[in-house]
Amino acid sequence: MGLLDGRNAVITGGAQGIGYEIAGVLGGAGARVVLGDINEDTAAEAAERLAKNGVAATSLGPRDPRRASWNSWSPSNLSNHAHSRDLINK
């Protein structure tokens, strides 16, 4: 069992760089990770790479690609992760 089994982490800017590495570390410790990024395609590709390495990962993109803020994300998408307890905004 991992240290973070059963936990969820939402990581903004998680498609690449530091955010992606954080997602890998948290996922490697057992957390389910949600990668949020202004570039939805890049976030989806990053989630697929993590999943191939055994991480439970998914991605979300902003409703309006000109704004990369938490408030622009679709409430219906976030409802699937309503029990997320950890947010990393890099």
N, C-alpha and C. Protein backbone atom coordinates (compact mmCIF):
# COMPACT_ATOMS: atom_id res chain seq x y z
N MET A 1 0.84 -1.19 0.00
CA MET A 1 0.00 0.00 0.00
C MET A 1 0.88 1.24 0.00
N GLY A 2 0.44 2.23 -0.78
CA GLY A 2 1.18 3.48 -0.84
C GLY A 2 0.74 4.43 0.25
N LEU A 3 1.59 5.36 0.55
CA LEU A 3 1.32 6.35 1.58
C LEU A 3 0.06 7.17 1.27
N LEU A 4 -0.24 7.36 -0.01
CA LEU A 4 -1.38 8.20 -0.41
C LEU A 4 -2.53 7.41 -1.01
N ASP A 5 -2.59 6.13 -0.78
CA ASP A 5 -3.71 5.32 -1.29
C ASP A 5 -5.03 5.91 -0.84
N GLY A 6 -5.97 6.01 -1.78
CA GLY A 6 -7.30 6.52 -1.47
C GLY A 6 -7.39 8.03 -1.48
N ARG A 7 -6.29 8.71 -1.71
CA ARG A 7 -6.32 10.18 -1.75
C ARG A 7 -6.40 10.63 -3.20
N ASN A 8 -6.94 11.82 -3.40
CA ASN A 8 -7.03 12.45 -4.72
C ASN A 8 -6.23 13.73 -4.70
N ALA A 9 -5.55 14.03 -5.78
CA ALA A 9 -4.80 15.28 -5.89
C ALA A 9 -5.12 15.94 -7.21
N VAL A 10 -5.52 17.20 -7.17
CA VAL A 10 -5.75 18.00 -8.37
C VAL A 10 -4.55 18.92 -8.51
N ILE A 11 -3.89 18.84 -9.66
CA ILE A 11 -2.66 19.59 -9.87
C ILE A 11 -2.86 20.53 -11.05
N THR A 12 -2.91 21.82 -10.79
CA THR A 12 -3.01 22.78 -11.89
C THR A 12 -1.64 22.95 -12.51
N GLY A 13 -1.60 23.12 -13.81
CA GLY A 13 -0.33 23.19 -14.51
C GLY A 13 0.36 21.84 -14.51
N GLY A 14 -0.43 20.77 -14.46
CA GLY A 14 0.11 19.43 -14.30
C GLY A 14 0.51 18.71 -15.58
N ALA A 15 0.39 19.35 -16.72
CA ALA A 15 0.66 18.66 -17.98
C ALA A 15 2.14 18.53 -18.30
N GLN A 16 2.96 19.37 -17.69
CA GLN A 16 4.38 19.32 -18.01
C GLN A 16 5.20 19.95 -16.88
N GLY A 17 6.48 19.79 -16.97
CA GLY A 17 7.40 20.42 -16.02
C GLY A 17 7.21 19.95 -14.59
N ILE A 18 7.30 20.90 -13.68
CA ILE A 18 7.22 20.60 -12.25
C ILE A 18 5.88 19.96 -11.90
N GLY A 19 4.78 20.47 -12.46
CA GLY A 19 3.47 19.91 -12.16
C GLY A 19 3.36 18.45 -12.56
N TYR A 20 3.91 18.11 -13.71
CA TYR A 20 3.89 16.72 -14.17
C TYR A 20 4.73 15.84 -13.26
N GLU A 21 5.87 16.33 -12.85
CA GLU A 21 6.73 15.55 -11.95
C GLU A 21 6.07 15.34 -10.59
N ILE A 22 5.40 16.37 -10.10
CA ILE A 22 4.66 16.25 -8.83
C ILE A 22 3.57 15.18 -8.97
N ALA A 23 2.86 15.22 -10.09
CA ALA A 23 1.81 14.22 -10.33
C ALA A 23 2.39 12.82 -10.31
N GLY A 24 3.55 12.63 -10.92
CA GLY A 24 4.19 11.32 -10.93
C GLY A 24 4.57 10.84 -9.54
N VAL A 25 5.07 11.75 -8.73
CA VAL A 25 5.46 11.39 -7.35
C VAL A 25 4.23 11.04 -6.52
N LEU A 26 3.20 11.89 -6.59
CA LEU A 26 1.98 11.63 -5.82
C LEU A 26 1.30 10.35 -6.30
N GLY A 27 1.24 10.18 -7.62
CA GLY A 27 0.64 8.97 -8.18
C GLY A 27 1.43 7.73 -7.82
N GLY A 28 2.75 7.85 -7.80
CA GLY A 28 3.59 6.72 -7.41
C GLY A 28 3.40 6.31 -5.97
N ALA A 29 2.94 7.27 -5.15
CA ALA A 29 2.66 6.97 -3.75
C ALA A 29 1.21 6.51 -3.55
N GLY A 30 0.47 6.35 -4.66
CA GLY A 30 -0.88 5.80 -4.57
C GLY A 30 -2.03 6.75 -4.78
N ALA A 31 -1.77 8.05 -4.89
CA ALA A 31 -2.87 9.02 -5.09
C ALA A 31 -3.42 8.93 -6.51
N ARG A 32 -4.71 9.19 -6.65
CA ARG A 32 -5.31 9.39 -7.96
C ARG A 32 -5.08 10.87 -8.29
N VAL A 33 -4.56 11.15 -9.49
CA VAL A 33 -4.22 12.52 -9.83
C VAL A 33 -5.07 13.04 -10.97
N VAL A 34 -5.42 14.31 -10.88
CA VAL A 34 -6.14 15.02 -11.93
C VAL A 34 -5.21 16.13 -12.40
N LEU A 35 -4.85 16.09 -13.67
CA LEU A 35 -3.98 17.10 -14.23
C LEU A 35 -4.81 18.20 -14.86
N GLY A 36 -4.68 19.39 -14.36
CA GLY A 36 -5.37 20.53 -14.93
C GLY A 36 -4.36 21.38 -15.69
N ASP A 37 -4.73 21.81 -16.88
CA ASP A 37 -3.82 22.64 -17.65
C ASP A 37 -4.60 23.41 -18.69
N ILE A 38 -4.11 24.57 -19.06
CA ILE A 38 -4.78 25.38 -20.07
C ILE A 38 -4.78 24.67 -21.42
N ASN A 39 -3.79 23.82 -21.66
CA ASN A 39 -3.71 23.06 -22.91
C ASN A 39 -4.30 21.67 -22.66
N GLU A 40 -5.54 21.50 -23.06
CA GLU A 40 -6.24 20.24 -22.78
C GLU A 40 -5.59 19.04 -23.45
N ASP A 41 -5.09 19.21 -24.66
CA ASP A 41 -4.46 18.09 -25.37
C ASP A 41 -3.18 17.63 -24.66
N THR A 42 -2.38 18.59 -24.23
CA THR A 42 -1.14 18.25 -23.52
C THR A 42 -1.46 17.57 -22.21
N ALA A 43 -2.49 18.03 -21.49
CA ALA A 43 -2.88 17.42 -20.23
C ALA A 43 -3.35 15.98 -20.45
N ALA A 44 -4.12 15.76 -21.51
CA ALA A 44 -4.61 14.40 -21.80
C ALA A 44 -3.45 13.47 -22.13
N GLU A 45 -2.48 13.95 -22.91
CA GLU A 45 -1.31 13.14 -23.24
C GLU A 45 -0.48 12.83 -22.00
N ALA A 46 -0.34 13.81 -21.12
CA ALA A 46 0.41 13.60 -19.88
C ALA A 46 -0.28 12.57 -18.99
N ALA A 47 -1.61 12.64 -18.90
CA ALA A 47 -2.35 11.66 -18.09
C ALA A 47 -2.19 10.26 -18.66
N GLU A 48 -2.18 10.15 -19.99
CA GLU A 48 -1.97 8.84 -20.63
C GLU A 48 -0.58 8.29 -20.30
N ARG A 49 0.45 9.16 -20.33
CA ARG A 49 1.82 8.70 -20.00
C ARG A 49 1.89 8.21 -18.57
N LEU A 50 1.26 8.96 -17.66
CA LEU A 50 1.26 8.54 -16.25
C LEU A 50 0.53 7.21 -16.09
N ALA A 51 -0.60 7.07 -16.78
CA ALA A 51 -1.38 5.83 -16.67
C ALA A 51 -0.58 4.63 -17.16
N LYS A 52 0.23 4.83 -18.21
CA LYS A 52 1.07 3.73 -18.71
C LYS A 52 2.11 3.31 -17.67
N ASN A 53 2.40 4.20 -16.74
CA ASN A 53 3.34 3.90 -15.66
C ASN A 53 2.64 3.49 -14.37
N GLY A 54 1.34 3.17 -14.47
CA GLY A 54 0.62 2.66 -13.32
C GLY A 54 -0.03 3.69 -12.42
N VAL A 55 -0.05 4.94 -12.84
CA VAL A 55 -0.67 6.00 -12.04
C VAL A 55 -2.12 6.17 -12.48
N ALA A 56 -3.03 6.25 -11.52
CA ALA A 56 -4.43 6.54 -11.82
C ALA A 56 -4.53 8.04 -12.11
N ALA A 57 -4.54 8.39 -13.39
CA ALA A 57 -4.49 9.79 -13.78
C ALA A 57 -5.58 10.12 -14.78
N THR A 58 -6.08 11.34 -14.68
CA THR A 58 -7.03 11.88 -15.63
C THR A 58 -6.68 13.34 -15.84
N SER A 59 -7.33 13.97 -16.81
CA SER A 59 -7.01 15.37 -17.09
C SER A 59 -8.28 16.20 -17.22
N LEU A 60 -8.12 17.48 -16.97
CA LEU A 60 -9.19 18.46 -17.14
C LEU A 60 -8.61 19.68 -17.81
N GLY A 61 -9.40 20.31 -18.65
CA GLY A 61 -8.97 21.57 -19.26
C GLY A 61 -9.94 22.65 -18.90
N PRO A 62 -9.56 23.88 -19.07
CA PRO A 62 -10.45 24.99 -18.74
C PRO A 62 -11.59 25.11 -19.75
N ARG A 63 -12.69 25.61 -19.29
CA ARG A 63 -13.82 25.86 -20.19
C ARG A 63 -13.45 26.92 -21.21
N ASP A 64 -12.73 27.93 -20.81
CA ASP A 64 -12.29 29.01 -21.69
C ASP A 64 -10.77 28.94 -21.79
N PRO A 65 -10.21 28.56 -22.93
CA PRO A 65 -8.76 28.37 -23.03
C PRO A 65 -7.95 29.65 -22.86
N ARG A 66 -8.59 30.81 -22.82
CA ARG A 66 -7.85 32.05 -22.60
C ARG A 66 -7.60 32.30 -21.12
N ARG A 67 -8.26 31.54 -20.24
CA ARG A 67 -8.09 31.71 -18.79
C ARG A 67 -7.75 30.37 -18.19
N ALA A 68 -6.65 30.31 -17.48
CA ALA A 68 -6.22 29.07 -16.83
C ALA A 68 -6.49 29.15 -15.34
N SER A 69 -7.70 29.55 -14.98
CA SER A 69 -8.00 29.67 -13.57
C SER A 69 -8.94 28.55 -13.13
N TRP A 70 -8.90 28.25 -11.87
CA TRP A 70 -9.76 27.22 -11.30
C TRP A 70 -11.22 27.51 -11.62
N ASN A 71 -11.63 28.77 -11.55
CA ASN A 71 -13.04 29.12 -11.77
C ASN A 71 -13.51 28.87 -13.19
N SER A 72 -12.61 28.72 -14.14
CA SER A 72 -13.04 28.51 -15.52
C SER A 72 -13.27 27.04 -15.84
N TRP A 73 -12.96 26.15 -14.91
CA TRP A 73 -13.15 24.72 -15.17
C TRP A 73 -14.62 24.37 -15.07
N SER A 74 -15.03 23.39 -15.86
CA SER A 74 -16.42 22.97 -15.91
C SER A 74 -16.83 22.30 -14.60
N PRO A 75 -17.90 22.78 -13.98
CA PRO A 75 -18.37 22.14 -12.75
C PRO A 75 -18.71 20.66 -12.94
N SER A 76 -19.20 20.31 -14.12
CA SER A 76 -19.53 18.90 -14.35
C SER A 76 -18.28 18.04 -14.34
N ASN A 77 -17.16 18.55 -14.84
CA ASN A 77 -15.91 17.80 -14.80
C ASN A 77 -15.42 17.67 -13.37
N LEU A 78 -15.50 18.74 -12.61
CA LEU A 78 -15.00 18.69 -11.24
C LEU A 78 -15.87 17.83 -10.34
N SER A 79 -17.15 17.66 -10.69
CA SER A 79 -18.02 16.85 -9.85
C SER A 79 -17.55 15.41 -9.78
N ASN A 80 -16.82 14.94 -10.80
CA ASN A 80 -16.28 13.58 -10.76
C ASN A 80 -15.17 13.44 -9.73
N HIS A 81 -14.66 14.56 -9.25
CA HIS A 81 -13.55 14.55 -8.30
C HIS A 81 -13.95 15.34 -7.06
N ALA A 82 -15.22 15.24 -6.69
CA ALA A 82 -15.75 16.06 -5.60
C ALA A 82 -15.06 15.77 -4.28
N HIS A 83 -14.46 14.62 -4.16
CA HIS A 83 -13.82 14.28 -2.89
C HIS A 83 -12.32 14.53 -2.90
N SER A 84 -11.86 15.32 -3.88
CA SER A 84 -10.44 15.66 -3.90
C SER A 84 -10.12 16.46 -2.67
N ARG A 85 -9.04 16.09 -2.02
CA ARG A 85 -8.66 16.75 -0.78
C ARG A 85 -7.39 17.54 -0.94
N ASP A 86 -6.66 17.33 -1.99
CA ASP A 86 -5.37 17.98 -2.15
C ASP A 86 -5.37 18.76 -3.46
N LEU A 87 -4.91 19.98 -3.40
CA LEU A 87 -4.79 20.82 -4.59
C LEU A 87 -3.39 21.38 -4.63
N ILE A 88 -2.73 21.20 -5.73
CA ILE A 88 -1.40 21.78 -5.91
C ILE A 88 -1.50 22.73 -7.07
N ASN A 89 -1.28 24.00 -6.80
CA ASN A 89 -1.35 25.02 -7.83
C ASN A 89 0.07 25.52 -8.05
N LYS A 90 0.70 25.04 -9.11
CA LYS A 90 2.10 25.43 -9.32
C LYS A 90 2.21 26.63 -10.20
